[in-house]
Amino acid sequence: MLDDKTMVSDALTGVNGELVRYGEMITQTENKKLKQCLKQIRNESEMSQEKLYQVAREKSYYVPAAKASQQEIDHVKSVLSGLAMK
């Protein structure tokens, strides 16, 4: 028997996967009507994901990682800037 935490986690995993696939499809299609339709579906999925995320946070099923320090942020920026210049 599945508990609430497992069901919310599974639903979030599924929606997150859908969002990745919609993003891939949107960038790969040249049909403007299909692209717009996929964007609308993706936006609806994002709203569902946000609702599930809020439930997970409220019930302490999901605890986000600690915020990055300014030093960590600066380090990532410098690494990414170095990659962009290559």
N, C-alpha and C. Protein backbone atom coordinates (compact mmCIF):
# COMPACT_ATOMS: atom_id res chain seq x y z
N MET A 1 0.85 -1.18 0.00
CA MET A 1 0.00 0.00 0.00
C MET A 1 0.89 1.24 0.00
N LEU A 2 0.57 2.16 -0.88
CA LEU A 2 1.35 3.39 -0.98
C LEU A 2 0.88 4.42 0.04
N ASP A 3 1.83 5.13 0.61
CA ASP A 3 1.46 6.21 1.51
C ASP A 3 1.44 7.53 0.74
N ASP A 4 0.93 8.57 1.40
CA ASP A 4 0.80 9.88 0.76
C ASP A 4 2.14 10.41 0.25
N LYS A 5 3.18 10.24 1.06
CA LYS A 5 4.49 10.75 0.68
C LYS A 5 4.97 10.10 -0.62
N THR A 6 4.80 8.81 -0.74
CA THR A 6 5.23 8.08 -1.94
C THR A 6 4.43 8.52 -3.15
N MET A 7 3.13 8.70 -2.98
CA MET A 7 2.28 9.11 -4.10
C MET A 7 2.63 10.51 -4.58
N VAL A 8 2.85 11.44 -3.65
CA VAL A 8 3.22 12.80 -4.04
C VAL A 8 4.57 12.79 -4.73
N SER A 9 5.51 12.04 -4.20
CA SER A 9 6.84 11.95 -4.80
C SER A 9 6.78 11.36 -6.20
N ASP A 10 6.02 10.29 -6.36
CA ASP A 10 5.87 9.67 -7.68
C ASP A 10 5.21 10.63 -8.68
N ALA A 11 4.19 11.34 -8.22
CA ALA A 11 3.51 12.30 -9.10
C ALA A 11 4.46 13.42 -9.52
N LEU A 12 5.25 13.92 -8.57
CA LEU A 12 6.22 14.97 -8.89
C LEU A 12 7.26 14.47 -9.89
N THR A 13 7.73 13.27 -9.70
CA THR A 13 8.71 12.69 -10.61
C THR A 13 8.13 12.58 -12.02
N GLY A 14 6.88 12.13 -12.10
CA GLY A 14 6.22 12.01 -13.40
C GLY A 14 6.04 13.34 -14.09
N VAL A 15 5.56 14.34 -13.36
CA VAL A 15 5.34 15.66 -13.94
C VAL A 15 6.68 16.29 -14.36
N ASN A 16 7.71 16.12 -13.55
CA ASN A 16 9.02 16.66 -13.90
C ASN A 16 9.53 16.03 -15.20
N GLY A 17 9.31 14.75 -15.37
CA GLY A 17 9.71 14.08 -16.60
C GLY A 17 8.92 14.60 -17.80
N GLU A 18 7.63 14.82 -17.60
CA GLU A 18 6.80 15.38 -18.67
C GLU A 18 7.32 16.74 -19.10
N LEU A 19 7.68 17.57 -18.12
CA LEU A 19 8.16 18.92 -18.43
C LEU A 19 9.43 18.87 -19.28
N VAL A 20 10.31 17.94 -18.97
CA VAL A 20 11.53 17.78 -19.77
C VAL A 20 11.17 17.40 -21.20
N ARG A 21 10.27 16.43 -21.34
CA ARG A 21 9.90 15.97 -22.68
C ARG A 21 9.17 17.06 -23.47
N TYR A 22 8.30 17.84 -22.82
CA TYR A 22 7.63 18.94 -23.53
C TYR A 22 8.66 19.94 -24.03
N GLY A 23 9.64 20.27 -23.18
CA GLY A 23 10.68 21.19 -23.60
C GLY A 23 11.43 20.69 -24.82
N GLU A 24 11.72 19.40 -24.84
CA GLU A 24 12.41 18.82 -26.00
C GLU A 24 11.54 18.89 -27.25
N MET A 25 10.27 18.56 -27.09
CA MET A 25 9.37 18.57 -28.26
C MET A 25 9.18 19.98 -28.80
N ILE A 26 9.05 20.94 -27.90
CA ILE A 26 8.82 22.33 -28.33
C ILE A 26 9.99 22.82 -29.18
N THR A 27 11.19 22.51 -28.76
CA THR A 27 12.36 23.00 -29.51
C THR A 27 12.56 22.24 -30.82
N GLN A 28 11.98 21.08 -30.95
CA GLN A 28 12.21 20.26 -32.15
C GLN A 28 11.13 20.39 -33.21
N THR A 29 10.01 21.02 -32.89
CA THR A 29 8.94 21.11 -33.89
C THR A 29 9.01 22.44 -34.64
N GLU A 30 8.68 22.36 -35.92
CA GLU A 30 8.64 23.58 -36.73
C GLU A 30 7.20 24.06 -36.93
N ASN A 31 6.22 23.21 -36.62
CA ASN A 31 4.81 23.54 -36.78
C ASN A 31 4.40 24.51 -35.68
N LYS A 32 4.05 25.73 -36.06
CA LYS A 32 3.76 26.78 -35.07
C LYS A 32 2.54 26.44 -34.21
N LYS A 33 1.50 25.85 -34.82
CA LYS A 33 0.31 25.50 -34.04
C LYS A 33 0.63 24.40 -33.03
N LEU A 34 1.39 23.41 -33.46
CA LEU A 34 1.79 22.33 -32.55
C LEU A 34 2.68 22.89 -31.44
N LYS A 35 3.60 23.76 -31.79
CA LYS A 35 4.49 24.37 -30.80
C LYS A 35 3.68 25.12 -29.75
N GLN A 36 2.68 25.91 -30.19
CA GLN A 36 1.85 26.67 -29.26
C GLN A 36 1.05 25.73 -28.36
N CYS A 37 0.52 24.66 -28.93
CA CYS A 37 -0.24 23.68 -28.16
C CYS A 37 0.64 23.02 -27.10
N LEU A 38 1.84 22.63 -27.49
CA LEU A 38 2.77 22.02 -26.54
C LEU A 38 3.16 22.99 -25.43
N LYS A 39 3.32 24.26 -25.76
CA LYS A 39 3.64 25.26 -24.74
C LYS A 39 2.50 25.39 -23.74
N GLN A 40 1.27 25.36 -24.23
CA GLN A 40 0.11 25.46 -23.35
C GLN A 40 0.05 24.25 -22.42
N ILE A 41 0.26 23.07 -22.98
CA ILE A 41 0.25 21.85 -22.16
C ILE A 41 1.37 21.90 -21.13
N ARG A 42 2.55 22.37 -21.56
CA ARG A 42 3.68 22.48 -20.64
C ARG A 42 3.36 23.45 -19.51
N ASN A 43 2.73 24.58 -19.83
CA ASN A 43 2.38 25.55 -18.80
C ASN A 43 1.40 24.96 -17.79
N GLU A 44 0.44 24.18 -18.27
CA GLU A 44 -0.52 23.52 -17.36
C GLU A 44 0.20 22.50 -16.48
N SER A 45 1.15 21.79 -17.06
CA SER A 45 1.93 20.82 -16.28
C SER A 45 2.77 21.52 -15.22
N GLU A 46 3.31 22.69 -15.58
CA GLU A 46 4.09 23.46 -14.60
C GLU A 46 3.22 23.89 -13.43
N MET A 47 1.98 24.27 -13.70
CA MET A 47 1.07 24.65 -12.62
C MET A 47 0.78 23.44 -11.72
N SER A 48 0.59 22.28 -12.32
CA SER A 48 0.36 21.06 -11.54
C SER A 48 1.59 20.73 -10.69
N GLN A 49 2.76 20.88 -11.29
CA GLN A 49 4.00 20.60 -10.58
C GLN A 49 4.13 21.53 -9.38
N GLU A 50 3.79 22.79 -9.56
CA GLU A 50 3.88 23.76 -8.47
C GLU A 50 2.92 23.40 -7.33
N LYS A 51 1.71 22.98 -7.67
CA LYS A 51 0.74 22.57 -6.64
C LYS A 51 1.24 21.35 -5.87
N LEU A 52 1.77 20.37 -6.60
CA LEU A 52 2.31 19.18 -5.93
C LEU A 52 3.50 19.55 -5.05
N TYR A 53 4.35 20.44 -5.54
CA TYR A 53 5.50 20.89 -4.77
C TYR A 53 5.05 21.56 -3.47
N GLN A 54 4.00 22.39 -3.55
CA GLN A 54 3.50 23.07 -2.35
C GLN A 54 2.97 22.05 -1.34
N VAL A 55 2.25 21.04 -1.82
CA VAL A 55 1.75 19.98 -0.92
C VAL A 55 2.93 19.29 -0.26
N ALA A 56 3.93 18.95 -1.05
CA ALA A 56 5.10 18.26 -0.51
C ALA A 56 5.81 19.11 0.55
N ARG A 57 5.93 20.41 0.30
CA ARG A 57 6.57 21.30 1.27
C ARG A 57 5.73 21.42 2.54
N GLU A 58 4.41 21.59 2.38
CA GLU A 58 3.53 21.77 3.55
C GLU A 58 3.56 20.55 4.45
N LYS A 59 3.65 19.38 3.87
CA LYS A 59 3.63 18.14 4.65
C LYS A 59 5.04 17.65 5.01
N SER A 60 6.04 18.46 4.69
CA SER A 60 7.45 18.13 4.95
C SER A 60 7.89 16.85 4.25
N TYR A 61 7.27 16.55 3.10
CA TYR A 61 7.70 15.43 2.28
C TYR A 61 8.94 15.82 1.48
N TYR A 62 9.10 17.10 1.27
CA TYR A 62 10.24 17.62 0.51
C TYR A 62 10.84 18.77 1.27
N VAL A 63 12.13 18.69 1.50
CA VAL A 63 12.85 19.77 2.15
C VAL A 63 13.93 20.21 1.17
N PRO A 64 13.85 21.45 0.69
CA PRO A 64 14.85 21.90 -0.29
C PRO A 64 16.25 21.99 0.31
N ALA A 65 17.21 21.91 -0.55
CA ALA A 65 18.61 22.04 -0.12
C ALA A 65 18.83 23.44 0.43
N ALA A 66 19.86 23.57 1.23
CA ALA A 66 20.22 24.88 1.78
C ALA A 66 20.61 25.81 0.63
N LYS A 67 20.36 27.09 0.84
CA LYS A 67 20.71 28.07 -0.18
C LYS A 67 22.22 28.16 -0.32
N ALA A 68 22.64 28.39 -1.55
CA ALA A 68 24.07 28.52 -1.83
C ALA A 68 24.61 29.81 -1.23
N SER A 69 25.84 29.74 -0.78
CA SER A 69 26.49 30.95 -0.27
C SER A 69 26.91 31.82 -1.44
N GLN A 70 27.21 33.06 -1.17
CA GLN A 70 27.65 33.97 -2.23
C GLN A 70 28.95 33.47 -2.85
N GLN A 71 29.80 32.89 -2.03
CA GLN A 71 31.07 32.35 -2.54
C GLN A 71 30.79 31.21 -3.54
N GLU A 72 29.84 30.33 -3.21
CA GLU A 72 29.50 29.23 -4.13
C GLU A 72 28.90 29.77 -5.43
N ILE A 73 28.06 30.77 -5.32
CA ILE A 73 27.44 31.39 -6.50
C ILE A 73 28.51 32.00 -7.39
N ASP A 74 29.43 32.74 -6.77
CA ASP A 74 30.51 33.37 -7.53
C ASP A 74 31.38 32.33 -8.23
N HIS A 75 31.64 31.22 -7.54
CA HIS A 75 32.46 30.16 -8.13
C HIS A 75 31.78 29.58 -9.37
N VAL A 76 30.50 29.27 -9.28
CA VAL A 76 29.76 28.72 -10.42
C VAL A 76 29.74 29.72 -11.57
N LYS A 77 29.53 30.99 -11.25
CA LYS A 77 29.53 32.02 -12.29
C LYS A 77 30.88 32.07 -13.01
N SER A 78 31.95 31.98 -12.26
CA SER A 78 33.27 32.05 -12.89
C SER A 78 33.53 30.81 -13.75
N VAL A 79 33.10 29.66 -13.29
CA VAL A 79 33.28 28.44 -14.08
C VAL A 79 32.48 28.53 -15.38
N LEU A 80 31.23 28.96 -15.28
CA LEU A 80 30.38 29.06 -16.48
C LEU A 80 30.88 30.15 -17.42
N SER A 81 31.38 31.25 -16.87
CA SER A 81 31.94 32.31 -17.72
C SER A 81 33.15 31.80 -18.47
N GLY A 82 33.97 31.00 -17.81
CA GLY A 82 35.15 30.42 -18.46
C GLY A 82 34.76 29.49 -19.59
N LEU A 83 33.69 28.73 -19.42
CA LEU A 83 33.22 27.82 -20.46
C LEU A 83 32.68 28.59 -21.66
N ALA A 84 32.00 29.70 -21.38
CA ALA A 84 31.39 30.50 -22.45
C ALA A 84 32.44 31.16 -23.33
N MET A 85 33.61 31.42 -22.77
CA MET A 85 34.66 32.10 -23.52
C MET A 85 35.47 31.15 -24.39
N LYS A 86 35.33 29.86 -24.18
CA LYS A 86 36.10 28.88 -24.96
C LYS A 86 35.52 28.66 -26.32
